Protein backbone atom coordinates (compact mmCIF):
# COMPACT_ATOMS: atom_id res chain seq x y z
CA MET A 1 -27.88 -48.40 -33.31
CA MET A 2 -27.62 -51.51 -31.06
CA LYS A 3 -30.65 -50.31 -28.95
CA LYS A 4 -32.63 -50.52 -32.29
CA LEU A 5 -31.15 -54.28 -32.61
CA LEU A 6 -32.12 -55.20 -29.00
CA LEU A 7 -35.70 -53.50 -29.44
CA ALA A 8 -36.07 -55.70 -32.40
CA GLY A 9 -34.81 -59.14 -30.80
CA VAL A 10 -37.42 -58.61 -28.41
CA ALA A 11 -40.03 -57.60 -30.60
CA LEU A 12 -39.14 -60.70 -32.66
CA ILE A 13 -39.28 -63.19 -29.90
CA ILE A 14 -42.86 -61.44 -28.56
CA ILE A 15 -44.02 -61.82 -32.16
CA GLY A 16 -43.02 -65.86 -31.99
CA ALA A 17 -44.79 -66.18 -28.94
CA VAL A 18 -47.73 -64.65 -30.57
CA ILE A 19 -47.78 -66.80 -33.64
CA THR A 20 -47.05 -70.38 -31.28
CA CYS A 21 -50.53 -69.40 -29.31
CA ILE A 22 -52.44 -69.08 -32.77
CA ILE A 23 -50.92 -71.53 -34.88
CA GLY A 24 -48.91 -73.92 -32.57
CA ASP A 25 -50.33 -77.21 -31.49
CA SER A 26 -49.20 -79.56 -28.70
CA GLY A 27 -51.00 -82.30 -27.12
CA ARG A 28 -50.10 -85.64 -25.69
CA VAL A 29 -50.00 -88.86 -27.00
CA HIS A 30 -50.49 -92.48 -25.12
CA LEU A 31 -49.11 -95.64 -26.26
CA ARG A 32 -49.68 -99.11 -25.39
CA LYS A 33 -46.98 -101.82 -26.50
CA GLN A 34 -47.92 -103.35 -30.07
CA SER A 35 -50.49 -100.78 -30.59
CA GLU A 36 -51.16 -98.33 -33.04
CA THR A 37 -52.69 -94.75 -32.68
CA ALA A 38 -52.94 -91.69 -34.30
CA GLY A 39 -55.01 -89.50 -31.51
CA PHE A 40 -53.72 -87.11 -29.40
CA VAL A 41 -55.17 -85.03 -26.48
CA ARG A 42 -54.72 -81.59 -25.90
CA ALA A 43 -54.43 -79.60 -22.75
CA ASN A 44 -57.97 -78.76 -22.91
CA GLY A 45 -59.12 -82.39 -22.98
CA THR A 46 -60.08 -81.71 -26.95
CA THR A 47 -58.87 -84.60 -29.43
CA SER A 48 -57.33 -84.65 -32.75
CA ASN A 49 -55.32 -86.71 -35.00
CA LEU A 50 -52.19 -86.39 -36.42
CA PRO A 51 -51.54 -87.35 -40.26
CA PHE A 52 -49.63 -90.59 -39.65
CA SER A 53 -49.91 -93.81 -36.72
CA LEU A 54 -47.56 -94.22 -33.99
CA ARG A 55 -46.87 -97.97 -32.70
CA LEU A 56 -45.03 -98.95 -29.36
CA ASP A 57 -42.57 -101.60 -30.01
CA ASP A 58 -40.53 -101.40 -26.74
CA PHE A 59 -40.72 -98.90 -23.58
CA ARG A 60 -37.93 -99.22 -20.82
CA VAL A 61 -36.72 -97.69 -17.88
CA GLU A 62 -32.70 -97.51 -17.88
CA TYR A 63 -30.90 -96.93 -14.33
CA TYR A 64 -27.68 -96.12 -13.04
CA PRO A 65 -25.26 -99.02 -12.44
CA GLY A 66 -26.18 -100.54 -9.05
CA THR A 67 -28.62 -98.47 -7.85
CA ASP A 68 -32.46 -98.20 -8.77
CA MET A 69 -32.06 -94.34 -9.45
CA PRO A 70 -33.39 -93.71 -13.75
CA MET A 71 -30.81 -93.13 -15.64
CA ASP A 72 -33.21 -92.67 -18.99
CA TYR A 73 -36.69 -93.58 -20.18
CA VAL A 74 -36.59 -95.09 -23.71
CA SER A 75 -39.51 -96.09 -26.29
CA LEU A 76 -38.95 -97.80 -29.57
CA VAL A 77 -41.51 -96.68 -31.93
CA THR A 78 -42.44 -97.38 -35.65
CA VAL A 79 -43.80 -94.37 -37.82
CA LEU A 80 -46.33 -95.47 -40.09
CA PRO A 81 -47.43 -96.26 -43.06
CA ALA A 82 -43.71 -95.45 -43.39
CA GLY A 83 -42.21 -97.91 -41.09
CA GLU A 84 -39.47 -96.32 -40.14
CA SER A 85 -38.17 -97.08 -36.53
CA ARG A 86 -37.21 -94.34 -34.07
CA THR A 87 -36.41 -94.41 -30.53
CA ILE A 88 -37.18 -91.09 -27.92
CA SER A 89 -35.75 -90.47 -24.63
CA MET A 90 -35.20 -87.66 -22.54
CA ASN A 91 -33.16 -84.98 -24.48
CA HIS A 92 -33.84 -86.93 -27.89
CA ILE A 93 -36.71 -86.50 -29.58
CA LEU A 94 -38.52 -87.53 -32.85
CA LYS A 95 -39.16 -84.99 -35.30
CA TRP A 96 -41.09 -86.67 -38.55
CA LYS A 97 -43.46 -84.15 -40.91
CA GLY A 98 -43.29 -80.87 -38.73
CA TYR A 99 -44.27 -82.78 -35.45
CA ARG A 100 -41.64 -83.45 -32.61
CA PHE A 101 -42.58 -85.78 -29.80
CA PHE A 102 -40.80 -85.80 -26.43
CA GLN A 103 -40.57 -88.32 -23.81
CA ALA A 104 -43.10 -87.37 -20.92
CA ASP A 105 -44.46 -90.17 -18.63
CA TYR A 106 -45.28 -93.79 -18.58
CA ASP A 107 -47.92 -96.43 -17.49
CA PRO A 108 -46.91 -97.86 -13.87
CA ASP A 109 -46.93 -101.59 -15.58
CA LEU A 110 -44.40 -100.58 -17.82
CA GLN A 111 -46.58 -101.35 -21.02
CA GLY A 112 -47.36 -97.73 -21.88
CA SER A 113 -45.76 -95.03 -22.68
CA ILE A 114 -46.73 -90.96 -22.98
CA LEU A 115 -45.29 -88.57 -25.58
CA SER A 116 -45.22 -85.10 -25.77
CA MET A 117 -46.47 -83.66 -29.01
CA ASN A 118 -45.68 -80.52 -30.27
CA HIS A 119 -46.20 -78.73 -34.06
CA ASP A 120 -44.69 -75.22 -34.19
CA PRO A 121 -43.39 -74.61 -37.74
CA TRP A 122 -42.92 -70.86 -37.49
CA GLY A 123 -43.31 -69.71 -33.77
CA THR A 124 -40.12 -71.26 -32.31
CA GLY A 125 -38.17 -70.08 -35.25
CA THR A 126 -39.39 -66.63 -34.98
CA VAL A 127 -38.74 -66.49 -31.20
CA TYR A 128 -34.77 -68.12 -32.08
CA ILE A 129 -33.91 -65.32 -34.35
CA GLY A 130 -34.86 -63.10 -31.95
CA TYR A 131 -32.68 -64.33 -29.26
CA VAL A 132 -29.65 -64.46 -32.04
CA ILE A 133 -30.64 -60.55 -32.44
CA LEU A 134 -31.00 -59.80 -28.92
CA LEU A 135 -28.10 -61.35 -27.62
CA THR A 136 -26.13 -59.50 -30.65
CA ALA A 137 -27.27 -56.37 -29.85
CA MET A 138 -26.46 -57.21 -26.10
CA LEU A 139 -23.00 -58.20 -26.76
CA GLY A 140 -22.23 -55.03 -28.79
CA LEU A 141 -23.54 -52.77 -25.79
CA VAL A 142 -20.96 -54.55 -23.55
CA LEU A 143 -18.52 -53.97 -25.80
CA LYS A 144 -19.17 -50.25 -26.13
CA HIS A 145 -19.63 -49.70 -22.50
CA PHE A 146 -17.60 -51.59 -20.15
CA ARG A 147 -14.79 -49.47 -20.43
CA THR A 148 -14.49 -47.89 -17.17
CA ALA A 149 -11.62 -49.20 -15.27
CA ILE A 150 -12.47 -51.54 -12.63
CA PRO A 151 -9.85 -51.85 -9.67
CA SER A 152 -8.28 -55.01 -10.16
CA TYR A 153 -9.03 -56.05 -6.34
CA TYR A 154 -12.91 -56.47 -7.80
CA TRP A 155 -11.98 -58.51 -10.36
CA ILE A 156 -9.65 -61.11 -7.97
CA ILE A 157 -12.87 -61.19 -5.70
CA GLY A 158 -15.34 -61.61 -8.57
CA ILE A 159 -13.12 -64.74 -9.74
CA VAL A 160 -12.89 -66.66 -6.21
CA LEU A 161 -16.70 -66.25 -5.91
CA LEU A 162 -17.47 -66.93 -9.41
CA ALA A 163 -15.50 -70.11 -9.36
CA GLY A 164 -16.52 -71.17 -5.29
CA LEU A 165 -20.07 -70.94 -6.75
CA PHE A 166 -20.07 -72.57 -10.19
CA LEU A 167 -17.70 -75.54 -7.71
CA LEU A 168 -20.49 -76.23 -5.35
CA ILE A 169 -23.32 -76.01 -8.20
CA CYS A 170 -20.62 -78.48 -9.97
CA ARG A 171 -19.91 -80.50 -6.47
CA LYS A 172 -23.87 -80.83 -6.07
CA LEU A 173 -24.68 -81.93 -9.67
CA LEU A 174 -21.84 -84.20 -10.43
CA PHE A 175 -21.48 -86.32 -7.32
CA GLN A 176 -24.77 -87.82 -7.23
CA PRO A 177 -26.77 -89.29 -10.27
CA LEU A 178 -28.28 -86.78 -12.69
CA LEU A 179 -32.20 -86.60 -13.04
CA PRO A 180 -32.64 -88.03 -16.81
CA VAL A 181 -33.92 -84.31 -18.53
CA LEU A 182 -30.87 -83.11 -17.06
CA ARG A 183 -28.11 -85.15 -19.20
CA SER A 184 -27.56 -82.73 -21.53
CA PRO A 185 -24.37 -80.93 -22.47
CA LEU A 186 -26.70 -77.30 -22.25
CA LEU A 187 -26.77 -77.64 -18.42
CA TRP A 188 -23.29 -76.41 -17.53
CA ILE A 189 -23.70 -73.56 -20.58
CA HIS A 190 -26.84 -72.34 -18.82
CA VAL A 191 -26.06 -72.94 -15.24
CA GLY A 192 -22.53 -71.55 -15.87
CA SER A 193 -23.92 -68.43 -16.90
CA VAL A 194 -26.12 -67.97 -15.34
CA ILE A 195 -24.34 -68.24 -11.86
CA ILE A 196 -21.68 -65.65 -13.37
CA SER A 197 -24.76 -63.02 -14.05
CA TYR A 198 -25.88 -63.47 -10.41
CA THR A 199 -22.34 -63.44 -8.65
CA VAL A 200 -21.80 -60.18 -10.47
CA PHE A 201 -25.48 -58.82 -9.24
CA ALA A 202 -23.84 -59.85 -5.74
CA LEU A 203 -20.97 -57.47 -6.24
CA VAL A 204 -23.04 -54.71 -7.40
CA PHE A 205 -25.01 -55.36 -3.81
CA ILE A 206 -21.48 -55.19 -2.24
CA ASN A 207 -20.84 -52.12 -4.38
CA ALA A 208 -24.05 -50.29 -3.34
CA ILE A 209 -23.90 -50.93 0.34
CA ILE A 210 -19.97 -49.51 0.64
CA GLY A 211 -21.44 -46.52 -1.88
CA LEU A 212 -23.75 -45.10 0.76
CA ILE A 213 -22.10 -46.00 3.80
CA SER A 214 -18.81 -44.01 2.33
CA ALA A 215 -20.78 -41.14 0.00
CA SER A 216 -16.65 -39.85 -1.25
CA SER A 217 -16.75 -43.26 -2.72
CA GLY A 218 -20.26 -43.26 -3.92
CA GLU A 219 -19.87 -41.95 -7.69
CA ARG A 220 -16.76 -44.05 -8.68
CA LEU A 221 -18.60 -47.13 -7.36
CA MET A 222 -21.41 -46.80 -9.49
CA LYS A 223 -19.22 -46.16 -12.49
CA VAL A 224 -17.72 -49.74 -11.29
CA SER A 225 -21.42 -51.15 -11.06
CA THR A 226 -22.81 -49.82 -14.22
CA ALA A 227 -20.01 -51.06 -16.30
CA ALA A 228 -20.44 -54.05 -14.61
CA LEU A 229 -24.17 -54.44 -15.26
CA TYR A 230 -23.76 -54.80 -18.85
CA PRO A 231 -21.75 -57.99 -19.14
CA ALA A 232 -23.84 -59.24 -15.90
CA VAL A 233 -27.34 -58.87 -17.96
CA PHE A 234 -26.12 -60.31 -21.14
CA MET A 235 -24.54 -63.85 -19.43
CA LEU A 236 -28.54 -63.63 -17.70
CA ALA A 237 -30.18 -62.81 -21.08
CA PHE A 238 -27.46 -65.69 -22.42
CA GLY A 239 -28.66 -67.95 -19.70
CA ILE A 240 -32.32 -67.82 -20.19
CA ALA A 241 -32.24 -68.44 -24.01
CA VAL A 242 -29.91 -71.39 -23.65
CA GLY A 243 -32.43 -72.90 -21.05
CA SER A 244 -35.17 -71.73 -23.35
CA VAL A 245 -33.50 -73.92 -26.18
CA TRP A 246 -33.02 -76.59 -23.61
CA ALA A 247 -36.26 -76.83 -22.24
CA ASN A 248 -37.79 -76.71 -26.25
CA LEU A 249 -35.59 -80.07 -26.87
CA SER A 250 -36.70 -81.73 -23.57
CA TRP A 251 -40.06 -80.45 -23.26
CA GLY A 252 -41.41 -78.95 -26.30
CA SER A 253 -41.89 -75.92 -25.17
CA TYR A 254 -39.60 -73.22 -24.96
CA TRP A 255 -41.48 -71.43 -22.01
CA SER A 256 -43.44 -72.34 -19.51
CA TRP A 257 -44.03 -69.94 -16.61
CA ASP A 258 -42.49 -72.05 -14.44
CA PRO A 259 -41.59 -69.69 -11.02
CA LYS A 260 -37.69 -70.03 -11.84
CA GLU A 261 -38.52 -69.35 -15.61
CA THR A 262 -40.66 -66.20 -13.97
CA TRP A 263 -38.42 -65.17 -11.95
CA ALA A 264 -34.84 -64.87 -13.68
CA LEU A 265 -37.16 -62.57 -16.33
CA ILE A 266 -38.26 -60.55 -13.79
CA THR A 267 -34.35 -60.26 -12.16
CA LEU A 268 -33.39 -59.45 -15.59
CA LEU A 269 -35.87 -56.49 -16.29
CA VAL A 270 -35.34 -54.98 -12.81
CA TYR A 271 -31.41 -55.07 -13.88
CA SER A 272 -31.93 -53.55 -17.34
CA VAL A 273 -33.74 -50.66 -16.06
CA PRO A 274 -30.40 -48.74 -14.85
CA LEU A 275 -29.02 -49.23 -18.02
CA GLY A 276 -31.63 -47.47 -20.08
CA GLY A 277 -30.58 -44.00 -19.72
CA LEU A 278 -32.96 -42.84 -16.95
CA ARG A 279 -31.62 -39.59 -15.58
CA ALA A 280 -32.59 -40.60 -11.83
CA PHE A 281 -29.81 -43.56 -11.92
CA ASN A 282 -27.00 -40.78 -12.37
CA ASN A 283 -27.26 -40.05 -8.63
CA PRO A 284 -25.10 -42.35 -6.83
CA LYS A 285 -27.13 -42.47 -3.76
CA VAL A 286 -30.71 -43.26 -6.19
CA PHE A 287 -28.51 -45.92 -8.17
CA HIS A 288 -27.22 -47.49 -4.69
CA ILE A 289 -30.52 -47.57 -3.24
CA TYR A 290 -31.99 -49.70 -6.82
CA ALA A 291 -29.19 -51.94 -6.19
CA LEU A 292 -29.93 -52.68 -2.91
CA VAL A 293 -33.30 -53.40 -3.12
CA ALA A 294 -33.06 -54.83 -6.83
CA PHE A 295 -31.16 -58.18 -5.29
CA ILE A 296 -34.15 -59.38 -3.69
CA SER A 297 -34.74 -60.40 -6.95
CA VAL A 298 -31.79 -62.22 -7.25
CA LEU A 299 -32.31 -63.52 -3.63
CA ILE A 300 -36.31 -65.20 -4.33
CA THR A 301 -34.97 -66.69 -8.01
CA TRP A 302 -32.07 -68.18 -6.37
CA LEU A 303 -33.30 -69.31 -2.80
CA GLY A 304 -37.09 -68.10 -2.96
CA VAL A 305 -38.36 -70.24 -5.49
CA ASN A 306 -36.57 -73.37 -4.78
CA TYR A 307 -37.67 -73.25 -1.14
CA PHE A 308 -40.84 -71.67 -1.52
CA MET A 309 -42.40 -71.90 -4.82
CA GLY A 310 -40.99 -75.49 -6.24
CA GLY A 311 -42.16 -75.92 -9.77
CA LEU A 312 -39.38 -77.63 -12.53
CA HIS A 313 -36.96 -75.86 -11.60
CA ALA A 314 -36.96 -76.80 -7.88
CA TYR A 315 -33.18 -78.62 -7.99
CA ALA A 316 -31.54 -75.88 -9.10
C-alpha cells in the first residue's frame, strides 16, 4: 500500500512539473520610480502584458546595523487601477490575481527595481500535493521497516555526529550576517533535515567498511544499515521538499536544476535503490560495496558542488 502511495506521490510531482512547463508563465518586470508598467519579459526574450499595472513608489536597500552588508531589498509598489499599496522584499512576495512577484534585482542607481513574475495556478499546487503524498508514504515505510535493533553505541555516535555537524552549520550561519534570501525560518528545517540524512549516510559508509573487513559481522551490519536508510532517505526527501517550497516562496520557482539541487536529487535516488527490494542487496558484500560507492554522491553534493560547481547554493 505504502509503495503504491509513494509511486502516486512521485507521479503527481512529475505531472505538476509538466503542467508548469505547459501552462505556467514567468518573466521579469522592470520598474522605475514613479513609473507605471504592465509589461514583462520572458526568459526567451518575448514580451507580454499583465492584466493590471504596477507602479514603483520607492526602493531601498536595508543594511545590517553598522555594516555595509545588505539585510534586505525592499520595493514599495502600487497595483493599478485598484490603487492598492504593497511591499515586496526577500521572502515576502506580492500575490495578485494569481500572479506572484518576487524581489529579484535592482538598478545600480537605486531608482529602479526588477521583479520576478510567476503565474502557475495549477502546477505548483499539484507538485505540493505530490510532496505530501510522497512524504506520507515514506514515513509509513520508515515506521514499518525501522524495527531492526540498532546497537546503542551507534545511536551515541550518530547523535554526537548530528549535533556536531548541526552546530558547525549553525555557527557558520549565526555568527555572520545572513544573506537576504536566507532570512527565513525554513532555513533551519531545510538544513537540519539534510544534515541528519547525510550523517546517517556517513554511518552507513562506516558500517560498509567494517562489514567488508569483518565478514562475520557483515550481515548484521547490513541489517543495521538497511534499517537506518529508511529514515535517512525520508529526511533527505523532506529536506528537498522544504527547500523546494522555500525556493518557490523566495524565487518563484520550486526547482531550477541548480547543481546542489540536482546532486541532492541524485543522492536521494542512489540511496533509494537498496530499499527497492532487489535480491542482489540481500548479499552483505554487494550491499556494503554499493554503500561505499554511494557515499561518493554525498561527498559531491556536500563538498564538490561548493568548491567546483558553484550555483545558488555555493554558500551551503
